[in-house]
Amino acid sequence: MNIIAWILLGLIAGAIARMILPGKQGGGWIGALLTGLIGALLGGWIASLMGLSANEGFFDLTTWIFAILGGVIVGFVWQAITRSRSKA
C-alpha cells in the first residue's frame, strides 16, 4: 500500500476505534488519525507475532480488523495516561 492508503486506513480505523471505546477522547480528527496510524502499526505487529499477514492490501478484512484492534488498544492506553494526569 502507498502512503495515501496508509493515512486513509489510519483515519478510518482510528475513527472506528474511537467509536468502539467508551468515554471522552480529545484530539479531533488529528487524534483519530494518529490513533489509527499507531494502531495499524501495532495491529500489524501483533498479526505478525501470531503468524498472520495483516498487510495484504487496503480492502483485506484482516488488515482492517488488526488496524482497528490496534487502534482500540492505543486509544485505551491513551485514555489511561490522560486520565491519570487529570487526577493528579
PDB file of N, CA and C in Angstrom:
ATOM      1  N   MET A   1       0.847  -1.181   0.000  1.00  0.00           N
ATOM      2  CA  MET A   1       0.000   0.000   0.000  1.00  0.00           C
ATOM      3  C   MET A   1       0.889   1.240   0.000  1.00  0.00           C
ATOM      4  N   ASN A   2       0.413   2.279  -0.647  1.00  0.00           N
ATOM      5  CA  ASN A   2       1.180   3.512  -0.646  1.00  0.00           C
ATOM      6  C   ASN A   2       0.824   4.357   0.579  1.00  0.00           C
ATOM      7  N   ILE A   3       1.513   5.471   0.743  1.00  0.00           N
ATOM      8  CA  ILE A   3       1.359   6.290   1.949  1.00  0.00           C
ATOM      9  C   ILE A   3      -0.043   6.881   2.076  1.00  0.00           C
ATOM     10  N   ILE A   4      -0.669   7.252   0.954  1.00  0.00           N
ATOM     11  CA  ILE A   4      -2.021   7.800   0.998  1.00  0.00           C
ATOM     12  C   ILE A   4      -3.005   6.743   1.511  1.00  0.00           C
ATOM     13  N   ALA A   5      -2.831   5.510   1.067  1.00  0.00           N
ATOM     14  CA  ALA A   5      -3.703   4.423   1.537  1.00  0.00           C
ATOM     15  C   ALA A   5      -3.505   4.185   3.030  1.00  0.00           C
ATOM     16  N   TRP A   6      -2.259   4.249   3.512  1.00  0.00           N
ATOM     17  CA  TRP A   6      -1.990   4.072   4.944  1.00  0.00           C
ATOM     18  C   TRP A   6      -2.640   5.177   5.760  1.00  0.00           C
ATOM     19  N   ILE A   7      -2.563   6.424   5.284  1.00  0.00           N
ATOM     20  CA  ILE A   7      -3.169   7.539   6.004  1.00  0.00           C
ATOM     21  C   ILE A   7      -4.688   7.383   6.032  1.00  0.00           C
ATOM     22  N   LEU A   8      -5.274   7.017   4.897  1.00  0.00           N
ATOM     23  CA  LEU A   8      -6.719   6.817   4.828  1.00  0.00           C
ATOM     24  C   LEU A   8      -7.157   5.669   5.738  1.00  0.00           C
ATOM     25  N   LEU A   9      -6.427   4.566   5.695  1.00  0.00           N
ATOM     26  CA  LEU A   9      -6.714   3.430   6.572  1.00  0.00           C
ATOM     27  C   LEU A   9      -6.608   3.852   8.029  1.00  0.00           C
ATOM     28  N   GLY A  10      -5.571   4.609   8.365  1.00  0.00           N
ATOM     29  CA  GLY A  10      -5.386   5.067   9.743  1.00  0.00           C
ATOM     30  C   GLY A  10      -6.501   5.971  10.211  1.00  0.00           C
ATOM     31  N   LEU A  11      -6.948   6.874   9.344  1.00  0.00           N
ATOM     32  CA  LEU A  11      -8.025   7.789   9.714  1.00  0.00           C
ATOM     33  C   LEU A  11      -9.336   7.039   9.955  1.00  0.00           C
ATOM     34  N   ILE A  12      -9.662   6.136   9.060  1.00  0.00           N
ATOM     35  CA  ILE A  12     -10.913   5.385   9.199  1.00  0.00           C
ATOM     36  C   ILE A  12     -10.840   4.407  10.378  1.00  0.00           C
ATOM     37  N   ALA A  13      -9.734   3.682  10.492  1.00  0.00           N
ATOM     38  CA  ALA A  13      -9.591   2.724  11.601  1.00  0.00           C
ATOM     39  C   ALA A  13      -9.560   3.454  12.939  1.00  0.00           C
ATOM     40  N   GLY A  14      -8.913   4.612  13.000  1.00  0.00           N
ATOM     41  CA  GLY A  14      -8.884   5.393  14.233  1.00  0.00           C
ATOM     42  C   GLY A  14     -10.260   5.898  14.614  1.00  0.00           C
ATOM     43  N   ALA A  15     -11.041   6.336  13.628  1.00  0.00           N
ATOM     44  CA  ALA A  15     -12.403   6.795  13.904  1.00  0.00           C
ATOM     45  C   ALA A  15     -13.272   5.646  14.408  1.00  0.00           C
ATOM     46  N   ILE A  16     -13.141   4.480  13.796  1.00  0.00           N
ATOM     47  CA  ILE A  16     -13.911   3.312  14.249  1.00  0.00           C
ATOM     48  C   ILE A  16     -13.483   2.892  15.652  1.00  0.00           C
ATOM     49  N   ALA A  17     -12.173   2.908  15.902  1.00  0.00           N
ATOM     50  CA  ALA A  17     -11.673   2.541  17.232  1.00  0.00           C
ATOM     51  C   ALA A  17     -12.189   3.506  18.292  1.00  0.00           C
ATOM     52  N   ARG A  18     -12.266   4.803  17.962  1.00  0.00           N
ATOM     53  CA  ARG A  18     -12.790   5.781  18.915  1.00  0.00           C
ATOM     54  C   ARG A  18     -14.284   5.587  19.165  1.00  0.00           C
ATOM     55  N   MET A  19     -15.013   5.121  18.158  1.00  0.00           N
ATOM     56  CA  MET A  19     -16.438   4.843  18.358  1.00  0.00           C
ATOM     57  C   MET A  19     -16.629   3.624  19.255  1.00  0.00           C
ATOM     58  N   ILE A  20     -15.724   2.666  19.181  1.00  0.00           N
ATOM     59  CA  ILE A  20     -15.822   1.453  19.991  1.00  0.00           C
ATOM     60  C   ILE A  20     -15.504   1.757  21.451  1.00  0.00           C
ATOM     61  N   LEU A  21     -14.507   2.605  21.681  1.00  0.00           N
ATOM     62  CA  LEU A  21     -14.092   2.923  23.044  1.00  0.00           C
ATOM     63  C   LEU A  21     -15.093   3.857  23.718  1.00  0.00           C
ATOM     64  N   PRO A  22     -15.520   3.536  24.919  1.00  0.00           N
ATOM     65  CA  PRO A  22     -16.402   4.459  25.630  1.00  0.00           C
ATOM     66  C   PRO A  22     -15.600   5.611  26.231  1.00  0.00           C
ATOM     67  N   GLY A  23     -16.275   6.679  26.539  1.00  0.00           N
ATOM     68  CA  GLY A  23     -15.625   7.806  27.199  1.00  0.00           C
ATOM     69  C   GLY A  23     -15.249   8.910  26.235  1.00  0.00           C
ATOM     70  N   LYS A  24     -14.725   9.983  26.819  1.00  0.00           N
ATOM     71  CA  LYS A  24     -14.370  11.167  26.046  1.00  0.00           C
ATOM     72  C   LYS A  24     -12.934  11.045  25.551  1.00  0.00           C
ATOM     73  N   GLN A  25     -12.764  11.265  24.250  1.00  0.00           N
ATOM     74  CA  GLN A  25     -11.430  11.285  23.669  1.00  0.00           C
ATOM     75  C   GLN A  25     -11.219  12.647  23.019  1.00  0.00           C
ATOM     76  N   GLY A  26     -10.120  13.250  23.328  1.00  0.00           N
ATOM     77  CA  GLY A  26      -9.800  14.545  22.734  1.00  0.00           C
ATOM     78  C   GLY A  26      -8.962  14.370  21.484  1.00  0.00           C
ATOM     79  N   GLY A  27      -8.670  15.464  20.836  1.00  0.00           N
ATOM     80  CA  GLY A  27      -7.763  15.430  19.699  1.00  0.00           C
ATOM     81  C   GLY A  27      -8.423  15.596  18.348  1.00  0.00           C
ATOM     82  N   GLY A  28      -9.732  15.432  18.264  1.00  0.00           N
ATOM     83  CA  GLY A  28     -10.414  15.605  16.982  1.00  0.00           C
ATOM     84  C   GLY A  28      -9.954  14.605  15.930  1.00  0.00           C
ATOM     85  N   TRP A  29     -10.013  15.022  14.676  1.00  0.00           N
ATOM     86  CA  TRP A  29      -9.671  14.100  13.587  1.00  0.00           C
ATOM     87  C   TRP A  29      -8.177  13.833  13.532  1.00  0.00           C
ATOM     88  N   ILE A  30      -7.358  14.765  14.004  1.00  0.00           N
ATOM     89  CA  ILE A  30      -5.910  14.506  14.035  1.00  0.00           C
ATOM     90  C   ILE A  30      -5.607  13.418  15.065  1.00  0.00           C
ATOM     91  N   GLY A  31      -6.289  13.477  16.199  1.00  0.00           N
ATOM     92  CA  GLY A  31      -6.133  12.429  17.210  1.00  0.00           C
ATOM     93  C   GLY A  31      -6.592  11.078  16.699  1.00  0.00           C
ATOM     94  N   ALA A  32      -7.699  11.073  15.939  1.00  0.00           N
ATOM     95  CA  ALA A  32      -8.188   9.820  15.359  1.00  0.00           C
ATOM     96  C   ALA A  32      -7.191   9.285  14.336  1.00  0.00           C
ATOM     97  N   LEU A  33      -6.601  10.175  13.543  1.00  0.00           N
ATOM     98  CA  LEU A  33      -5.603   9.761  12.552  1.00  0.00           C
ATOM     99  C   LEU A  33      -4.385   9.159  13.234  1.00  0.00           C
ATOM    100  N   LEU A  34      -3.879   9.827  14.252  1.00  0.00           N
ATOM    101  CA  LEU A  34      -2.710   9.304  14.956  1.00  0.00           C
ATOM    102  C   LEU A  34      -3.027   7.995  15.671  1.00  0.00           C
ATOM    103  N   THR A  35      -4.209   7.926  16.293  1.00  0.00           N
ATOM    104  CA  THR A  35      -4.631   6.681  16.934  1.00  0.00           C
ATOM    105  C   THR A  35      -4.683   5.546  15.917  1.00  0.00           C
ATOM    106  N   GLY A  36      -5.254   5.828  14.761  1.00  0.00           N
ATOM    107  CA  GLY A  36      -5.368   4.802  13.725  1.00  0.00           C
ATOM    108  C   GLY A  36      -4.037   4.393  13.136  1.00  0.00           C
ATOM    109  N   LEU A  37      -3.151   5.375  12.873  1.00  0.00           N
ATOM    110  CA  LEU A  37      -1.848   5.041  12.301  1.00  0.00           C
ATOM    111  C   LEU A  37      -1.000   4.223  13.270  1.00  0.00           C
ATOM    112  N   ILE A  38      -0.937   4.674  14.512  1.00  0.00           N
ATOM    113  CA  ILE A  38      -0.176   3.921  15.515  1.00  0.00           C
ATOM    114  C   ILE A  38      -0.840   2.569  15.774  1.00  0.00           C
ATOM    115  N   GLY A  39      -2.169   2.569  15.797  1.00  0.00           N
ATOM    116  CA  GLY A  39      -2.905   1.322  15.991  1.00  0.00           C
ATOM    117  C   GLY A  39      -2.703   0.345  14.846  1.00  0.00           C
ATOM    118  N   ALA A  40      -2.635   0.858  13.614  1.00  0.00           N
ATOM    119  CA  ALA A  40      -2.393  -0.016  12.463  1.00  0.00           C
ATOM    120  C   ALA A  40      -1.005  -0.641  12.548  1.00  0.00           C
ATOM    121  N   LEU A  41      -0.030   0.146  12.966  1.00  0.00           N
ATOM    122  CA  LEU A  41       1.319  -0.409  13.146  1.00  0.00           C
ATOM    123  C   LEU A  41       1.326  -1.465  14.243  1.00  0.00           C
ATOM    124  N   LEU A  42       0.677  -1.156  15.365  1.00  0.00           N
ATOM    125  CA  LEU A  42       0.604  -2.114  16.467  1.00  0.00           C
ATOM    126  C   LEU A  42      -0.152  -3.370  16.049  1.00  0.00           C
ATOM    127  N   GLY A  43      -1.278  -3.184  15.358  1.00  0.00           N
ATOM    128  CA  GLY A  43      -2.054  -4.328  14.894  1.00  0.00           C
ATOM    129  C   GLY A  43      -1.287  -5.195  13.916  1.00  0.00           C
ATOM    130  N   GLY A  44      -0.535  -4.567  13.010  1.00  0.00           N
ATOM    131  CA  GLY A  44       0.305  -5.329  12.087  1.00  0.00           C
ATOM    132  C   GLY A  44       1.379  -6.110  12.799  1.00  0.00           C
ATOM    133  N   TRP A  45       1.938  -5.501  13.844  1.00  0.00           N
ATOM    134  CA  TRP A  45       2.967  -6.189  14.626  1.00  0.00           C
ATOM    135  C   TRP A  45       2.365  -7.372  15.370  1.00  0.00           C
ATOM    136  N   ILE A  46       1.187  -7.182  15.962  1.00  0.00           N
ATOM    137  CA  ILE A  46       0.514  -8.285  16.667  1.00  0.00           C
ATOM    138  C   ILE A  46       0.180  -9.410  15.690  1.00  0.00           C
ATOM    139  N   ALA A  47      -0.300  -9.047  14.500  1.00  0.00           N
ATOM    140  CA  ALA A  47      -0.633 -10.068  13.499  1.00  0.00           C
ATOM    141  C   ALA A  47       0.608 -10.849  13.084  1.00  0.00           C
ATOM    142  N   SER A  48       1.737 -10.155  12.935  1.00  0.00           N
ATOM    143  CA  SER A  48       2.960 -10.861  12.539  1.00  0.00           C
ATOM    144  C   SER A  48       3.441 -11.789  13.652  1.00  0.00           C
ATOM    145  N   LEU A  49       3.238 -11.396  14.909  1.00  0.00           N
ATOM    146  CA  LEU A  49       3.595 -12.280  16.025  1.00  0.00           C
ATOM    147  C   LEU A  49       2.735 -13.540  16.043  1.00  0.00           C
ATOM    148  N   MET A  50       1.497 -13.393  15.572  1.00  0.00           N
ATOM    149  CA  MET A  50       0.578 -14.530  15.521  1.00  0.00           C
ATOM    150  C   MET A  50       0.779 -15.368  14.257  1.00  0.00           C
ATOM    151  N   GLY A  51       1.662 -14.941  13.391  1.00  0.00           N
ATOM    152  CA  GLY A  51       1.911 -15.684  12.159  1.00  0.00           C
ATOM    153  C   GLY A  51       0.940 -15.344  11.046  1.00  0.00           C
ATOM    154  N   LEU A  52       0.192 -14.272  11.200  1.00  0.00           N
ATOM    155  CA  LEU A  52      -0.763 -13.825  10.182  1.00  0.00           C
ATOM    156  C   LEU A  52      -0.171 -12.647   9.420  1.00  0.00           C
ATOM    157  N   SER A  53      -0.672 -12.407   8.259  1.00  0.00           N
ATOM    158  CA  SER A  53      -0.239 -11.256   7.483  1.00  0.00           C
ATOM    159  C   SER A  53      -1.369 -10.242   7.437  1.00  0.00           C
ATOM    160  N   ALA A  54      -1.158  -9.090   8.073  1.00  0.00           N
ATOM    161  CA  ALA A  54      -2.180  -8.050   8.098  1.00  0.00           C
ATOM    162  C   ALA A  54      -1.844  -6.942   7.110  1.00  0.00           C
ATOM    163  N   ASN A  55      -1.030  -7.241   6.117  1.00  0.00           N
ATOM    164  CA  ASN A  55      -0.634  -6.230   5.146  1.00  0.00           C
ATOM    165  C   ASN A  55      -0.864  -6.736   3.728  1.00  0.00           C
ATOM    166  N   GLU A  56      -1.982  -7.388   3.528  1.00  0.00           N
ATOM    167  CA  GLU A  56      -2.292  -7.948   2.212  1.00  0.00           C
ATOM    168  C   GLU A  56      -2.777  -6.897   1.231  1.00  0.00           C
ATOM    169  N   GLY A  57      -3.452  -5.892   1.710  1.00  0.00           N
ATOM    170  CA  GLY A  57      -3.976  -4.854   0.838  1.00  0.00           C
ATOM    171  C   GLY A  57      -5.003  -4.013   1.563  1.00  0.00           C
ATOM    172  N   PHE A  58      -5.395  -2.930   0.919  1.00  0.00           N
ATOM    173  CA  PHE A  58      -6.306  -1.975   1.535  1.00  0.00           C
ATOM    174  C   PHE A  58      -7.666  -2.589   1.832  1.00  0.00           C
ATOM    175  N   PHE A  59      -8.169  -3.432   0.964  1.00  0.00           N
ATOM    176  CA  PHE A  59      -9.507  -3.991   1.129  1.00  0.00           C
ATOM    177  C   PHE A  59      -9.506  -5.362   1.790  1.00  0.00           C
ATOM    178  N   ASP A  60      -8.386  -5.783   2.332  1.00  0.00           N
ATOM    179  CA  ASP A  60      -8.311  -7.065   3.018  1.00  0.00           C
ATOM    180  C   ASP A  60      -8.903  -6.933   4.422  1.00  0.00           C
ATOM    181  N   LEU A  61      -9.813  -7.832   4.770  1.00  0.00           N
ATOM    182  CA  LEU A  61     -10.501  -7.773   6.057  1.00  0.00           C
ATOM    183  C   LEU A  61      -9.534  -7.916   7.232  1.00  0.00           C
ATOM    184  N   THR A  62      -8.515  -8.745   7.096  1.00  0.00           N
ATOM    185  CA  THR A  62      -7.544  -8.936   8.171  1.00  0.00           C
ATOM    186  C   THR A  62      -6.810  -7.638   8.478  1.00  0.00           C
ATOM    187  N   THR A  63      -6.471  -6.882   7.445  1.00  0.00           N
ATOM    188  CA  THR A  63      -5.800  -5.599   7.626  1.00  0.00           C
ATOM    189  C   THR A  63      -6.667  -4.670   8.468  1.00  0.00           C
ATOM    190  N   TRP A  64      -7.945  -4.593   8.144  1.00  0.00           N
ATOM    191  CA  TRP A  64      -8.851  -3.700   8.855  1.00  0.00           C
ATOM    192  C   TRP A  64      -9.080  -4.153  10.295  1.00  0.00           C
ATOM    193  N   ILE A  65      -9.252  -5.442  10.494  1.00  0.00           N
ATOM    194  CA  ILE A  65      -9.506  -5.952  11.845  1.00  0.00           C
ATOM    195  C   ILE A  65      -8.329  -5.648  12.760  1.00  0.00           C
ATOM    196  N   PHE A  66      -7.123  -5.916  12.305  1.00  0.00           N
ATOM    197  CA  PHE A  66      -5.961  -5.676  13.153  1.00  0.00           C
ATOM    198  C   PHE A  66      -5.663  -4.189  13.310  1.00  0.00           C
ATOM    199  N   ALA A  67      -5.953  -3.373  12.310  1.00  0.00           N
ATOM    200  CA  ALA A  67      -5.770  -1.929  12.445  1.00  0.00           C
ATOM    201  C   ALA A  67      -6.741  -1.363  13.473  1.00  0.00           C
ATOM    202  N   ILE A  68      -7.981  -1.804  13.442  1.00  0.00           N
ATOM    203  CA  ILE A  68      -8.975  -1.334  14.411  1.00  0.00           C
ATOM    204  C   ILE A  68      -8.649  -1.852  15.804  1.00  0.00           C
ATOM    205  N   LEU A  69      -8.259  -3.125  15.910  1.00  0.00           N
ATOM    206  CA  LEU A  69      -7.867  -3.699  17.196  1.00  0.00           C
ATOM    207  C   LEU A  69      -6.685  -2.921  17.786  1.00  0.00           C
ATOM    208  N   GLY A  70      -5.706  -2.636  16.967  1.00  0.00           N
ATOM    209  CA  GLY A  70      -4.563  -1.839  17.429  1.00  0.00           C
ATOM    210  C   GLY A  70      -4.985  -0.442  17.839  1.00  0.00           C
ATOM    211  N   GLY A  71      -5.922   0.170  17.095  1.00  0.00           N
ATOM    212  CA  GLY A  71      -6.428   1.491  17.446  1.00  0.00           C
ATOM    213  C   GLY A  71      -7.151   1.504  18.775  1.00  0.00           C
ATOM    214  N   VAL A  72      -7.911   0.461  19.041  1.00  0.00           N
ATOM    215  CA  VAL A  72      -8.598   0.354  20.333  1.00  0.00           C
ATOM    216  C   VAL A  72      -7.581   0.233  21.463  1.00  0.00           C
ATOM    217  N   ILE A  73      -6.552  -0.551  21.262  1.00  0.00           N
ATOM    218  CA  ILE A  73      -5.509  -0.703  22.293  1.00  0.00           C
ATOM    219  C   ILE A  73      -4.814   0.627  22.533  1.00  0.00           C
ATOM    220  N   VAL A  74      -4.425   1.314  21.460  1.00  0.00           N
ATOM    221  CA  VAL A  74      -3.746   2.605  21.595  1.00  0.00           C
ATOM    222  C   VAL A  74      -4.666   3.624  22.271  1.00  0.00           C
ATOM    223  N   GLY A  75      -5.933   3.651  21.879  1.00  0.00           N
ATOM    224  CA  GLY A  75      -6.888   4.567  22.498  1.00  0.00           C
ATOM    225  C   GLY A  75      -7.082   4.287  23.975  1.00  0.00           C
ATOM    226  N   PHE A  76      -7.149   3.017  24.338  1.00  0.00           N
ATOM    227  CA  PHE A  76      -7.299   2.636  25.736  1.00  0.00           C
ATOM    228  C   PHE A  76      -6.093   3.085  26.560  1.00  0.00           C
ATOM    229  N   VAL A  77      -4.899   2.861  26.033  1.00  0.00           N
ATOM    230  CA  VAL A  77      -3.679   3.278  26.735  1.00  0.00           C
ATOM    231  C   VAL A  77      -3.644   4.799  26.852  1.00  0.00           C
ATOM    232  N   TRP A  78      -4.018   5.512  25.780  1.00  0.00           N
ATOM    233  CA  TRP A  78      -4.010   6.973  25.810  1.00  0.00           C
ATOM    234  C   TRP A  78      -5.003   7.498  26.848  1.00  0.00           C
ATOM    235  N   GLN A  79      -6.192   6.895  26.929  1.00  0.00           N
ATOM    236  CA  GLN A  79      -7.164   7.305  27.939  1.00  0.00           C
ATOM    237  C   GLN A  79      -6.631   7.063  29.345  1.00  0.00           C
ATOM    238  N   ALA A  80      -5.961   5.952  29.558  1.00  0.00           N
ATOM    239  CA  ALA A  80      -5.405   5.638  30.871  1.00  0.00           C
ATOM    240  C   ALA A  80      -4.331   6.654  31.259  1.00  0.00           C
ATOM    241  N   ILE A  81      -3.514   7.060  30.312  1.00  0.00           N
ATOM    242  CA  ILE A  81      -2.445   8.038  30.584  1.00  0.00           C
ATOM    243  C   ILE A  81      -3.056   9.404  30.883  1.00  0.00           C
ATOM    244  N   THR A  82      -3.981   9.860  30.048  1.00  0.00           N
ATOM    245  CA  THR A  82      -4.549  11.191  30.243  1.00  0.00           C
ATOM    246  C   THR A  82      -5.463  11.247  31.457  1.00  0.00           C
ATOM    247  N   ARG A  83      -6.109  10.146  31.783  1.00  0.00           N
ATOM    248  CA  ARG A  83      -6.969  10.106  32.970  1.00  0.00           C
ATOM    249  C   ARG A  83      -6.129  10.244  34.237  1.00  0.00           C
ATOM    250  N   SER A  84      -4.966   9.597  34.274  1.00  0.00           N
ATOM    251  CA  SER A  84      -4.123   9.673  35.462  1.00  0.00           C
ATOM    252  C   SER A  84      -3.490  11.054  35.596  1.00  0.00           C
ATOM    253  N   ARG A  85      -3.245  11.732  34.484  1.00  0.00           N
ATOM    254  CA  ARG A  85      -2.711  13.098  34.536  1.00  0.00           C
ATOM    255  C   ARG A  85      -3.748  14.078  35.069  1.00  0.00           C
ATOM    256  N   SER A  86      -4.991  13.924  34.662  1.00  0.00           N
ATOM    257  CA  SER A  86      -6.026  14.872  35.066  1.00  0.00           C
ATOM    258  C   SER A  86      -6.380  14.738  36.547  1.00  0.00           C
ATOM    259  N   LYS A  87      -6.164  13.575  37.133  1.00  0.00           N
ATOM    260  CA  LYS A  87      -6.461  13.360  38.541  1.00  0.00           C
ATOM    261  C   LYS A  87      -5.350  13.888  39.442  1.00  0.00           C
ATOM    262  N   ALA A  88      -4.145  14.013  38.905  1.00  0.00           N
ATOM    263  CA  ALA A  88      -3.003  14.447  39.711  1.00  0.00           C
ATOM    264  C   ALA A  88      -3.005  15.930  39.966  1.00  0.00           C
TER     265      ALA A  88
END
